[in-house]
């Protein structure tokens, strides 16, 4: 069950940062850096799905 938590922990962090009102402008860039540094391929795939489904995420200013 630990592998399941290790998969969902970064995703939970991603979800909370995306929906946080604090520092909304920098949030996506911080998330991008977190996803880049995450060794879990599933997180990378989910990030690409997120970016493809929300074009404004890909074009936001860093």
PDB file of N, CA and C in Angstrom:
ATOM      1  N   UNK A   1       0.816  -1.191   0.000  1.00  0.00           N
ATOM      2  CA  UNK A   1       0.000   0.000   0.000  1.00  0.00           C
ATOM      3  C   UNK A   1       0.864   1.260   0.000  1.00  0.00           C
ATOM      4  N   UNK A   2       2.148   1.121   0.373  1.00  0.00           N
ATOM      5  CA  UNK A   2       3.037   2.272   0.396  1.00  0.00           C
ATOM      6  C   UNK A   2       3.281   2.853  -0.987  1.00  0.00           C
ATOM      7  N   UNK A   3       3.321   1.992  -2.002  1.00  0.00           N
ATOM      8  CA  UNK A   3       3.533   2.473  -3.370  1.00  0.00           C
ATOM      9  C   UNK A   3       2.368   3.339  -3.817  1.00  0.00           C
ATOM     10  N   UNK A   4       1.156   3.002  -3.356  1.00  0.00           N
ATOM     11  CA  UNK A   4      -0.019   3.787  -3.720  1.00  0.00           C
ATOM     12  C   UNK A   4       0.060   5.183  -3.108  1.00  0.00           C
ATOM     13  N   UNK A   5       0.485   5.245  -1.855  1.00  0.00           N
ATOM     14  CA  UNK A   5       0.634   6.535  -1.196  1.00  0.00           C
ATOM     15  C   UNK A   5       1.752   7.345  -1.850  1.00  0.00           C
ATOM     16  N   UNK A   6       2.825   6.683  -2.260  1.00  0.00           N
ATOM     17  CA  UNK A   6       3.923   7.402  -2.906  1.00  0.00           C
ATOM     18  C   UNK A   6       3.498   7.957  -4.262  1.00  0.00           C
ATOM     19  N   UNK A   7       2.518   7.337  -4.891  1.00  0.00           N
ATOM     20  CA  UNK A   7       1.989   7.850  -6.149  1.00  0.00           C
ATOM     21  C   UNK A   7       1.063   9.031  -5.905  1.00  0.00           C
ATOM     22  N   UNK A   8       0.195   8.915  -4.917  1.00  0.00           N
ATOM     23  CA  UNK A   8      -0.805   9.953  -4.697  1.00  0.00           C
ATOM     24  C   UNK A   8      -0.289  11.150  -3.914  1.00  0.00           C
ATOM     25  N   UNK A   9       0.786  10.994  -3.177  1.00  0.00           N
ATOM     26  CA  UNK A   9       1.320  12.110  -2.411  1.00  0.00           C
ATOM     27  C   UNK A   9       1.713  13.291  -3.301  1.00  0.00           C
ATOM     28  N   UNK A  10       2.498  13.092  -4.367  1.00  0.00           N
ATOM     29  CA  UNK A  10       2.816  14.223  -5.247  1.00  0.00           C
ATOM     30  C   UNK A  10       1.578  14.769  -5.959  1.00  0.00           C
ATOM     31  N   UNK A  11       0.640  13.887  -6.272  1.00  0.00           N
ATOM     32  CA  UNK A  11      -0.572  14.343  -6.948  1.00  0.00           C
ATOM     33  C   UNK A  11      -1.432  15.186  -6.021  1.00  0.00           C
ATOM     34  N   UNK A  12      -1.480  14.808  -4.743  1.00  0.00           N
ATOM     35  CA  UNK A  12      -2.230  15.593  -3.770  1.00  0.00           C
ATOM     36  C   UNK A  12      -1.586  16.972  -3.607  1.00  0.00           C
ATOM     37  N   UNK A  13      -0.267  16.993  -3.589  1.00  0.00           N
ATOM     38  CA  UNK A  13       0.467  18.254  -3.497  1.00  0.00           C
ATOM     39  C   UNK A  13       0.178  19.119  -4.725  1.00  0.00           C
ATOM     40  N   UNK A  14       0.190  18.499  -5.887  1.00  0.00           N
ATOM     41  CA  UNK A  14      -0.121  19.190  -7.132  1.00  0.00           C
ATOM     42  C   UNK A  14      -1.525  19.766  -7.087  1.00  0.00           C
ATOM     43  N   UNK A  15      -2.488  18.966  -6.681  1.00  0.00           N
ATOM     44  CA  UNK A  15      -3.885  19.396  -6.622  1.00  0.00           C
ATOM     45  C   UNK A  15      -4.047  20.580  -5.668  1.00  0.00           C
ATOM     46  N   UNK A  16      -3.454  20.502  -4.493  1.00  0.00           N
ATOM     47  CA  UNK A  16      -3.613  21.578  -3.521  1.00  0.00           C
ATOM     48  C   UNK A  16      -2.949  22.860  -3.996  1.00  0.00           C
ATOM     49  N   UNK A  17      -1.826  22.745  -4.676  1.00  0.00           N
ATOM     50  CA  UNK A  17      -1.171  23.946  -5.195  1.00  0.00           C
ATOM     51  C   UNK A  17      -1.936  24.561  -6.356  1.00  0.00           C
ATOM     52  N   UNK A  18      -2.552  23.742  -7.177  1.00  0.00           N
ATOM     53  CA  UNK A  18      -3.336  24.271  -8.289  1.00  0.00           C
ATOM     54  C   UNK A  18      -4.556  25.030  -7.806  1.00  0.00           C
ATOM     55  N   UNK A  19      -5.135  24.592  -6.717  1.00  0.00           N
ATOM     56  CA  UNK A  19      -6.364  25.192  -6.235  1.00  0.00           C
ATOM     57  C   UNK A  19      -6.139  26.167  -5.089  1.00  0.00           C
ATOM     58  N   UNK A  20      -4.927  26.516  -4.833  1.00  0.00           N
ATOM     59  CA  UNK A  20      -4.601  27.484  -3.797  1.00  0.00           C
ATOM     60  C   UNK A  20      -4.724  28.900  -4.352  1.00  0.00           C
ATOM     61  N   UNK A  21      -5.332  29.782  -3.572  1.00  0.00           N
ATOM     62  CA  UNK A  21      -5.476  31.171  -4.003  1.00  0.00           C
ATOM     63  C   UNK A  21      -4.194  31.970  -3.776  1.00  0.00           C
ATOM     64  N   UNK A  22      -3.361  31.490  -2.870  1.00  0.00           N
ATOM     65  CA  UNK A  22      -2.126  32.193  -2.537  1.00  0.00           C
ATOM     66  C   UNK A  22      -1.107  32.049  -3.663  1.00  0.00           C
ATOM     67  N   UNK A  23      -0.563  33.164  -4.087  1.00  0.00           N
ATOM     68  CA  UNK A  23       0.475  33.190  -5.126  1.00  0.00           C
ATOM     69  C   UNK A  23       0.048  32.424  -6.373  1.00  0.00           C
ATOM     70  N   UNK A  24      -1.152  32.696  -6.853  1.00  0.00           N
ATOM     71  CA  UNK A  24      -1.700  31.960  -7.993  1.00  0.00           C
ATOM     72  C   UNK A  24      -0.819  32.117  -9.235  1.00  0.00           C
ATOM     73  N   UNK A  25      -0.233  33.284  -9.443  1.00  0.00           N
ATOM     74  CA  UNK A  25       0.576  33.508 -10.631  1.00  0.00           C
ATOM     75  C   UNK A  25       1.831  32.657 -10.680  1.00  0.00           C
ATOM     76  N   UNK A  26       2.463  32.466  -9.547  1.00  0.00           N
ATOM     77  CA  UNK A  26       3.694  31.673  -9.499  1.00  0.00           C
ATOM     78  C   UNK A  26       3.429  30.195  -9.314  1.00  0.00           C
ATOM     79  N   UNK A  27       2.219  29.845  -8.943  1.00  0.00           N
ATOM     80  CA  UNK A  27       1.893  28.465  -8.587  1.00  0.00           C
ATOM     81  C   UNK A  27       2.196  27.453  -9.671  1.00  0.00           C
ATOM     82  N   UNK A  28       1.837  27.772 -10.903  1.00  0.00           N
ATOM     83  CA  UNK A  28       2.048  26.830 -11.998  1.00  0.00           C
ATOM     84  C   UNK A  28       3.539  26.598 -12.218  1.00  0.00           C
ATOM     85  N   UNK A  29       4.336  27.653 -12.130  1.00  0.00           N
ATOM     86  CA  UNK A  29       5.772  27.489 -12.322  1.00  0.00           C
ATOM     87  C   UNK A  29       6.374  26.625 -11.214  1.00  0.00           C
ATOM     88  N   UNK A  30       5.934  26.847  -9.984  1.00  0.00           N
ATOM     89  CA  UNK A  30       6.416  26.032  -8.866  1.00  0.00           C
ATOM     90  C   UNK A  30       6.028  24.574  -9.081  1.00  0.00           C
ATOM     91  N   UNK A  31       4.792  24.363  -9.534  1.00  0.00           N
ATOM     92  CA  UNK A  31       4.346  22.999  -9.820  1.00  0.00           C
ATOM     93  C   UNK A  31       5.174  22.369 -10.923  1.00  0.00           C
ATOM     94  N   UNK A  32       5.455  23.142 -11.943  1.00  0.00           N
ATOM     95  CA  UNK A  32       6.261  22.637 -13.051  1.00  0.00           C
ATOM     96  C   UNK A  32       7.622  22.176 -12.542  1.00  0.00           C
ATOM     97  N   UNK A  33       8.228  22.965 -11.684  1.00  0.00           N
ATOM     98  CA  UNK A  33       9.527  22.595 -11.116  1.00  0.00           C
ATOM     99  C   UNK A  33       9.406  21.330 -10.261  1.00  0.00           C
ATOM    100  N   UNK A  34       8.323  21.221  -9.489  1.00  0.00           N
ATOM    101  CA  UNK A  34       8.112  20.021  -8.676  1.00  0.00           C
ATOM    102  C   UNK A  34       7.940  18.786  -9.546  1.00  0.00           C
ATOM    103  N   UNK A  35       7.172  18.923 -10.609  1.00  0.00           N
ATOM    104  CA  UNK A  35       6.930  17.788 -11.507  1.00  0.00           C
ATOM    105  C   UNK A  35       8.218  17.382 -12.204  1.00  0.00           C
ATOM    106  N   UNK A  36       9.012  18.370 -12.632  1.00  0.00           N
ATOM    107  CA  UNK A  36      10.286  18.066 -13.284  1.00  0.00           C
ATOM    108  C   UNK A  36      11.215  17.286 -12.365  1.00  0.00           C
ATOM    109  N   UNK A  37      11.186  17.612 -11.089  1.00  0.00           N
ATOM    110  CA  UNK A  37      12.104  16.960 -10.154  1.00  0.00           C
ATOM    111  C   UNK A  37      11.576  15.625  -9.637  1.00  0.00           C
ATOM    112  N   UNK A  38      10.331  15.310  -9.917  1.00  0.00           N
ATOM    113  CA  UNK A  38       9.737  14.061  -9.423  1.00  0.00           C
ATOM    114  C   UNK A  38      10.182  12.884 -10.295  1.00  0.00           C
ATOM    115  N   UNK A  39      10.728  11.838  -9.685  1.00  0.00           N
ATOM    116  CA  UNK A  39      11.199  10.691 -10.471  1.00  0.00           C
ATOM    117  C   UNK A  39      10.073   9.772 -10.952  1.00  0.00           C
ATOM    118  N   UNK A  40       8.878   9.961 -10.450  1.00  0.00           N
ATOM    119  CA  UNK A  40       7.760   9.074 -10.783  1.00  0.00           C
ATOM    120  C   UNK A  40       7.204   9.412 -12.172  1.00  0.00           C
ATOM    121  N   UNK A  41       7.277   8.460 -13.077  1.00  0.00           N
ATOM    122  CA  UNK A  41       6.824   8.681 -14.453  1.00  0.00           C
ATOM    123  C   UNK A  41       5.326   8.968 -14.519  1.00  0.00           C
ATOM    124  N   UNK A  42       4.550   8.389 -13.605  1.00  0.00           N
ATOM    125  CA  UNK A  42       3.107   8.623 -13.596  1.00  0.00           C
ATOM    126  C   UNK A  42       2.783  10.099 -13.371  1.00  0.00           C
ATOM    127  N   UNK A  43       3.553  10.751 -12.514  1.00  0.00           N
ATOM    128  CA  UNK A  43       3.341  12.174 -12.259  1.00  0.00           C
ATOM    129  C   UNK A  43       3.638  12.975 -13.523  1.00  0.00           C
ATOM    130  N   UNK A  44       4.689  12.595 -14.234  1.00  0.00           N
ATOM    131  CA  UNK A  44       5.035  13.268 -15.486  1.00  0.00           C
ATOM    132  C   UNK A  44       3.903  13.134 -16.503  1.00  0.00           C
ATOM    133  N   UNK A  45       3.335  11.939 -16.599  1.00  0.00           N
ATOM    134  CA  UNK A  45       2.243  11.691 -17.544  1.00  0.00           C
ATOM    135  C   UNK A  45       1.011  12.498 -17.153  1.00  0.00           C
ATOM    136  N   UNK A  46       0.687  12.510 -15.866  1.00  0.00           N
ATOM    137  CA  UNK A  46      -0.474  13.282 -15.419  1.00  0.00           C
ATOM    138  C   UNK A  46      -0.277  14.774 -15.657  1.00  0.00           C
ATOM    139  N   UNK A  47       0.945  15.263 -15.489  1.00  0.00           N
ATOM    140  CA  UNK A  47       1.228  16.667 -15.768  1.00  0.00           C
ATOM    141  C   UNK A  47       0.991  16.969 -17.245  1.00  0.00           C
ATOM    142  N   UNK A  48       1.448  16.095 -18.128  1.00  0.00           N
ATOM    143  CA  UNK A  48       1.255  16.335 -19.562  1.00  0.00           C
ATOM    144  C   UNK A  48      -0.226  16.323 -19.915  1.00  0.00           C
ATOM    145  N   UNK A  49      -1.005  15.461 -19.270  1.00  0.00           N
ATOM    146  CA  UNK A  49      -2.451  15.455 -19.501  1.00  0.00           C
ATOM    147  C   UNK A  49      -3.063  16.764 -19.024  1.00  0.00           C
ATOM    148  N   UNK A  50      -2.627  17.239 -17.874  1.00  0.00           N
ATOM    149  CA  UNK A  50      -3.127  18.508 -17.340  1.00  0.00           C
ATOM    150  C   UNK A  50      -2.826  19.660 -18.284  1.00  0.00           C
ATOM    151  N   UNK A  51      -1.607  19.722 -18.775  1.00  0.00           N
ATOM    152  CA  UNK A  51      -1.205  20.802 -19.677  1.00  0.00           C
ATOM    153  C   UNK A  51      -1.985  20.734 -20.986  1.00  0.00           C
ATOM    154  N   UNK A  52      -2.180  19.529 -21.508  1.00  0.00           N
ATOM    155  CA  UNK A  52      -2.925  19.384 -22.761  1.00  0.00           C
ATOM    156  C   UNK A  52      -4.396  19.737 -22.600  1.00  0.00           C
ATOM    157  N   UNK A  53      -4.966  19.482 -21.434  1.00  0.00           N
ATOM    158  CA  UNK A  53      -6.390  19.750 -21.232  1.00  0.00           C
ATOM    159  C   UNK A  53      -6.670  21.192 -20.824  1.00  0.00           C
ATOM    160  N   UNK A  54      -5.641  21.933 -20.419  1.00  0.00           N
ATOM    161  CA  UNK A  54      -5.784  23.338 -20.037  1.00  0.00           C
ATOM    162  C   UNK A  54      -4.739  24.164 -20.784  1.00  0.00           C
ATOM    163  N   UNK A  55      -5.044  24.608 -21.994  1.00  0.00           N
ATOM    164  CA  UNK A  55      -4.053  25.349 -22.789  1.00  0.00           C
ATOM    165  C   UNK A  55      -3.537  26.600 -22.085  1.00  0.00           C
ATOM    166  N   UNK A  56      -4.339  27.209 -21.218  1.00  0.00           N
ATOM    167  CA  UNK A  56      -3.886  28.412 -20.526  1.00  0.00           C
ATOM    168  C   UNK A  56      -2.733  28.110 -19.581  1.00  0.00           C
ATOM    169  N   UNK A  57      -2.618  26.880 -19.113  1.00  0.00           N
ATOM    170  CA  UNK A  57      -1.508  26.484 -18.246  1.00  0.00           C
ATOM    171  C   UNK A  57      -0.201  26.534 -19.020  1.00  0.00           C
ATOM    172  N   UNK A  58      -0.226  26.061 -20.235  1.00  0.00           N
ATOM    173  CA  UNK A  58       0.985  26.012 -21.051  1.00  0.00           C
ATOM    174  C   UNK A  58       1.440  27.399 -21.476  1.00  0.00           C
ATOM    175  N   UNK A  59       0.522  28.348 -21.592  1.00  0.00           N
ATOM    176  CA  UNK A  59       0.873  29.678 -22.071  1.00  0.00           C
ATOM    177  C   UNK A  59       0.994  30.697 -20.959  1.00  0.00           C
ATOM    178  N   UNK A  60       0.876  30.280 -19.696  1.00  0.00           N
ATOM    179  CA  UNK A  60       0.965  31.239 -18.598  1.00  0.00           C
ATOM    180  C   UNK A  60       2.387  31.755 -18.473  1.00  0.00           C
ATOM    181  N   UNK A  61       2.518  32.989 -17.964  1.00  0.00           N
ATOM    182  CA  UNK A  61       3.841  33.597 -17.782  1.00  0.00           C
ATOM    183  C   UNK A  61       4.523  32.976 -16.589  1.00  0.00           C
ATOM    184  N   UNK A  62       5.820  32.786 -16.700  1.00  0.00           N
ATOM    185  CA  UNK A  62       6.594  32.229 -15.584  1.00  0.00           C
ATOM    186  C   UNK A  62       7.165  33.375 -14.826  1.00  0.00           C
TER     187      UNK A  62
END
